[in-house]
C-alpha atoms as a PDB file:
ATOM      1  CA  MET A   1      -0.193   0.067  -0.128  1.00  0.00           C
ATOM      2  CA  GLN A   2       1.211   3.550  -0.753  1.00  0.00           C
ATOM      3  CA  GLU A   3       2.100   5.814   1.787  1.00  0.00           C
ATOM      4  CA  ILE A   4      -0.601   9.132   2.017  1.00  0.00           C
ATOM      5  CA  TRP A   5       2.275  11.588   2.714  1.00  0.00           C
ATOM      6  CA  ASP A   6       4.287  11.675  -0.323  1.00  0.00           C
ATOM      7  CA  PRO A   7       5.512  14.915  -0.149  1.00  0.00           C
ATOM      8  CA  THR A   8       6.698  15.127  -3.760  1.00  0.00           C
ATOM      9  CA  ALA A   9       3.211  14.126  -5.003  1.00  0.00           C
ATOM     10  CA  TRP A  10       1.678  16.894  -2.943  1.00  0.00           C
ATOM     11  CA  SER A  11       4.102  19.486  -3.962  1.00  0.00           C
ATOM     12  CA  SER A  12       3.669  18.648  -7.549  1.00  0.00           C
ATOM     13  CA  LEU A  13      -0.176  18.940  -7.101  1.00  0.00           C
ATOM     14  CA  LEU A  14      -0.296  22.048  -5.281  1.00  0.00           C
ATOM     15  CA  LEU A  15       2.371  23.711  -7.546  1.00  0.00           C
ATOM     16  CA  GLY A  16       0.848  22.619 -10.621  1.00  0.00           C
ATOM     17  CA  LEU A  17      -2.872  23.623  -9.618  1.00  0.00           C
ATOM     18  CA  ALA A  18      -1.215  27.268  -8.663  1.00  0.00           C
ATOM     19  CA  ALA A  19       0.667  27.501 -11.912  1.00  0.00           C
ATOM     20  CA  LEU A  20      -2.400  26.027 -13.960  1.00  0.00           C
ATOM     21  CA  ALA A  21      -4.626  28.511 -12.419  1.00  0.00           C
ATOM     22  CA  ALA A  22      -2.077  31.607 -12.806  1.00  0.00           C
ATOM     23  CA  GLY A  23      -1.469  30.657 -16.369  1.00  0.00           C
ATOM     24  CA  SER A  24      -5.206  30.366 -17.244  1.00  0.00           C
ATOM     25  CA  GLY A  25      -6.040  33.456 -16.004  1.00  0.00           C
ATOM     26  CA  ALA A  26      -3.348  35.249 -17.713  1.00  0.00           C
ATOM     27  CA  LEU A  27      -4.721  33.588 -20.922  1.00  0.00           C
ATOM     28  CA  ARG A  28      -8.164  34.732 -20.017  1.00  0.00           C
ATOM     29  CA  LYS A  29      -7.253  38.277 -19.040  1.00  0.00           C
ATOM     30  CA  PRO A  30      -4.025  39.384 -21.119  1.00  0.00           C
ATOM     31  CA  GLY A  31      -1.860  42.156 -19.715  1.00  0.00           C
ATOM     32  CA  VAL A  32      -3.094  41.395 -16.107  1.00  0.00           C
ATOM     33  CA  TRP A  33       0.833  40.038 -15.370  1.00  0.00           C
ATOM     34  CA  GLN A  34       2.152  43.177 -16.454  1.00  0.00           C
ATOM     35  CA  THR A  35      -0.121  44.963 -14.429  1.00  0.00           C
ATOM     36  CA  MET A  36       0.704  42.833 -11.349  1.00  0.00           C
ATOM     37  CA  ILE A  37       4.578  43.211 -11.830  1.00  0.00           C
ATOM     38  CA  GLY A  38       4.311  47.077 -12.213  1.00  0.00           C
ATOM     39  CA  GLU A  39       2.360  47.217  -9.122  1.00  0.00           C
ATOM     40  CA  VAL A  40       5.073  45.137  -7.434  1.00  0.00           C
ATOM     41  CA  GLU A  41       8.007  47.408  -8.628  1.00  0.00           C
ATOM     42  CA  ALA A  42       5.987  50.609  -7.377  1.00  0.00           C
ATOM     43  CA  SER A  43       5.571  49.248  -3.926  1.00  0.00           C
ATOM     44  CA  PRO A  44       8.736  48.514  -1.632  1.00  0.00           C
ATOM     45  CA  ALA A  45       6.509  46.780   0.770  1.00  0.00           C
ATOM     46  CA  LEU A  46       4.983  44.508  -2.264  1.00  0.00           C
ATOM     47  CA  GLN A  47       8.413  43.794  -3.207  1.00  0.00           C
ATOM     48  CA  PHE A  48       9.309  42.518   0.264  1.00  0.00           C
ATOM     49  CA  VAL A  49       6.190  40.596   0.962  1.00  0.00           C
ATOM     50  CA  CYS A  50       6.359  38.760  -2.736  1.00  0.00           C
ATOM     51  CA  GLY A  51      10.234  38.155  -2.465  1.00  0.00           C
ATOM     52  CA  MET A  52       9.415  36.511   0.895  1.00  0.00           C
ATOM     53  CA  LEU A  53       6.414  34.562   0.281  1.00  0.00           C
ATOM     54  CA  GLU A  54       8.326  33.099  -2.865  1.00  0.00           C
ATOM     55  CA  LEU A  55      11.273  32.282  -0.779  1.00  0.00           C
ATOM     56  CA  VAL A  56       9.057  30.383   1.889  1.00  0.00           C
ATOM     57  CA  VAL A  57       7.337  28.576  -0.853  1.00  0.00           C
ATOM     58  CA  GLY A  58      10.447  27.723  -2.807  1.00  0.00           C
ATOM     59  CA  ALA A  59      12.034  26.570   0.458  1.00  0.00           C
ATOM     60  CA  LEU A  60       9.162  24.191   1.064  1.00  0.00           C
ATOM     61  CA  VAL A  61       9.381  22.628  -2.180  1.00  0.00           C
ATOM     62  CA  TYR A  62      13.087  22.681  -2.325  1.00  0.00           C
ATOM     63  CA  LEU A  63      13.155  20.889   1.416  1.00  0.00           C
ATOM     64  CA  SER A  64      10.571  18.426   0.813  1.00  0.00           C
ATOM     65  CA  ASN A  65      11.979  16.925  -2.049  1.00  0.00           C
ATOM     66  CA  PRO A  66      15.030  14.789  -1.973  1.00  0.00           C
ATOM     67  CA  TRP A  67      17.339  14.494  -4.994  1.00  0.00           C
ATOM     68  CA  ILE A  68      16.927  11.094  -6.413  1.00  0.00           C
ATOM     69  CA  PRO A  69      18.114  10.610  -9.827  1.00  0.00           C
ATOM     70  CA  ALA A  70      15.942   7.490 -10.274  1.00  0.00           C
ATOM     71  CA  ASP A  71      12.623   9.645  -9.878  1.00  0.00           C
ATOM     72  CA  PRO A  72      12.896  12.650 -12.268  1.00  0.00           C
ATOM     73  CA  LEU A  73       9.831  14.235 -10.525  1.00  0.00           C
ATOM     74  CA  THR A  74      11.849  14.813  -7.272  1.00  0.00           C
ATOM     75  CA  CYS A  75      15.031  16.263  -9.356  1.00  0.00           C
ATOM     76  CA  ILE A  76      12.411  18.545 -11.285  1.00  0.00           C
ATOM     77  CA  LEU A  77      10.623  19.844  -7.997  1.00  0.00           C
ATOM     78  CA  LYS A  78      14.032  20.233  -6.347  1.00  0.00           C
ATOM     79  CA  SER A  79      15.148  22.269  -9.073  1.00  0.00           C
ATOM     80  CA  LEU A  80      12.029  24.386  -9.474  1.00  0.00           C
ATOM     81  CA  GLY A  81      12.351  25.045  -5.386  1.00  0.00           C
ATOM     82  CA  GLY A  82      15.731  26.241  -6.036  1.00  0.00           C
ATOM     83  CA  ALA A  83      14.944  28.637  -8.722  1.00  0.00           C
ATOM     84  CA  MET A  84      12.046  30.008  -6.783  1.00  0.00           C
ATOM     85  CA  MET A  85      14.419  30.940  -3.766  1.00  0.00           C
ATOM     86  CA  ILE A  86      17.194  32.572  -6.520  1.00  0.00           C
ATOM     87  CA  GLU A  87      14.360  34.453  -7.995  1.00  0.00           C
ATOM     88  CA  ALA A  88      12.843  35.394  -4.672  1.00  0.00           C
ATOM     89  CA  LEU A  89      16.155  36.709  -3.652  1.00  0.00           C
ATOM     90  CA  ALA A  90      16.388  38.849  -6.809  1.00  0.00           C
ATOM     91  CA  ILE A  91      13.056  40.065  -6.265  1.00  0.00           C
ATOM     92  CA  VAL A  92      14.197  41.451  -2.541  1.00  0.00           C
ATOM     93  CA  ALA A  93      17.593  42.531  -3.688  1.00  0.00           C
ATOM     94  CA  ALA A  94      16.965  44.195  -6.905  1.00  0.00           C
ATOM     95  CA  CYS A  95      13.348  44.272  -7.639  1.00  0.00           C
ATOM     96  CA  ASP A  96      13.699  47.367 -10.013  1.00  0.00           C
ATOM     97  CA  LEU A  97      16.184  45.835 -12.423  1.00  0.00           C
ATOM     98  CA  TYR A  98      14.393  42.093 -12.249  1.00  0.00           C
ATOM     99  CA  THR A  99      11.012  43.500 -12.927  1.00  0.00           C
ATOM    100  CA  GLN A 100      12.190  45.377 -16.052  1.00  0.00           C
ATOM    101  CA  MET A 101      13.570  42.344 -17.519  1.00  0.00           C
ATOM    102  CA  TRP A 102      10.009  40.715 -17.126  1.00  0.00           C
ATOM    103  CA  LEU A 103       8.001  43.608 -18.267  1.00  0.00           C
ATOM    104  CA  LYS A 104       9.912  43.514 -21.751  1.00  0.00           C
ATOM    105  CA  SER A 105       9.618  39.810 -21.886  1.00  0.00           C
ATOM    106  CA  LEU A 106       5.931  40.026 -20.898  1.00  0.00           C
ATOM    107  CA  GLY A 107       5.287  42.739 -23.773  1.00  0.00           C
ATOM    108  CA  ASN A 108       6.571  40.757 -26.526  1.00  0.00           C
ATOM    109  CA  PHE A 109       5.622  37.285 -25.463  1.00  0.00           C
ATOM    110  CA  HIS A 110       2.719  37.601 -22.960  1.00  0.00           C
ATOM    111  CA  LYS A 111       0.622  34.631 -24.398  1.00  0.00           C
ATOM    112  CA  GLY A 112       3.623  32.534 -24.516  1.00  0.00           C
ATOM    113  CA  TRP A 113       4.380  32.842 -21.063  1.00  0.00           C
ATOM    114  CA  ALA A 114       0.876  32.294 -20.274  1.00  0.00           C
ATOM    115  CA  GLY A 115       0.517  29.327 -22.088  1.00  0.00           C
ATOM    116  CA  ILE A 116       4.200  27.745 -20.859  1.00  0.00           C
ATOM    117  CA  THR A 117       3.009  28.317 -17.421  1.00  0.00           C
ATOM    118  CA  THR A 118      -0.422  26.525 -17.960  1.00  0.00           C
ATOM    119  CA  THR A 119       1.269  23.802 -19.631  1.00  0.00           C
ATOM    120  CA  LEU A 120       3.875  23.519 -16.799  1.00  0.00           C
ATOM    121  CA  GLY A 121       1.164  23.488 -14.160  1.00  0.00           C
ATOM    122  CA  LEU A 122      -1.023  20.883 -16.133  1.00  0.00           C
ATOM    123  CA  ALA A 123       1.864  18.423 -16.337  1.00  0.00           C
ATOM    124  CA  LEU A 124       2.794  19.082 -12.543  1.00  0.00           C
ATOM    125  CA  THR A 125      -0.505  18.581 -11.496  1.00  0.00           C
ATOM    126  CA  ILE A 126      -0.907  15.230 -13.618  1.00  0.00           C
ATOM    127  CA  ALA A 127       2.412  13.936 -12.451  1.00  0.00           C
ATOM    128  CA  GLY A 128       1.217  14.839  -8.726  1.00  0.00           C
ATOM    129  CA  MET A 129      -2.246  13.114  -8.957  1.00  0.00           C
ATOM    130  CA  ALA A 130      -0.781  10.141 -10.816  1.00  0.00           C
ATOM    131  CA  ARG A 131       1.675   9.601  -8.195  1.00  0.00           C
ATOM    132  CA  LEU A 132      -0.987   9.905  -5.236  1.00  0.00           C
ATOM    133  CA  GLY A 133      -3.285   7.617  -7.100  1.00  0.00           C
END
């Protein structure tokens, strides 16, 4: 019988659902991510809160997933958690520079980023559900 508490399955499922919802919302309302990033850039308080929240979520994902080369999902999630922590530190340290890069990228490739986020979210959700089931 499979163990009910599988941190890799749950982090994949929850991170996947969040990405799926964010990507779908961005596809439904183009420009919403640009507005959100602009608001974060304009507010030092939001910069700190967003950076710290992403740091906490990234650390939870990173720490709850061991690096097991035979299990690709653990490696993918550990890498995503590490990337989230690096991005969080960039937001806290140099939000003005970091957000400008994203605003330029979103202006030219908004539907592409939203599609990538939705696809990644769907893949992580399915992988988490398959692992739980």
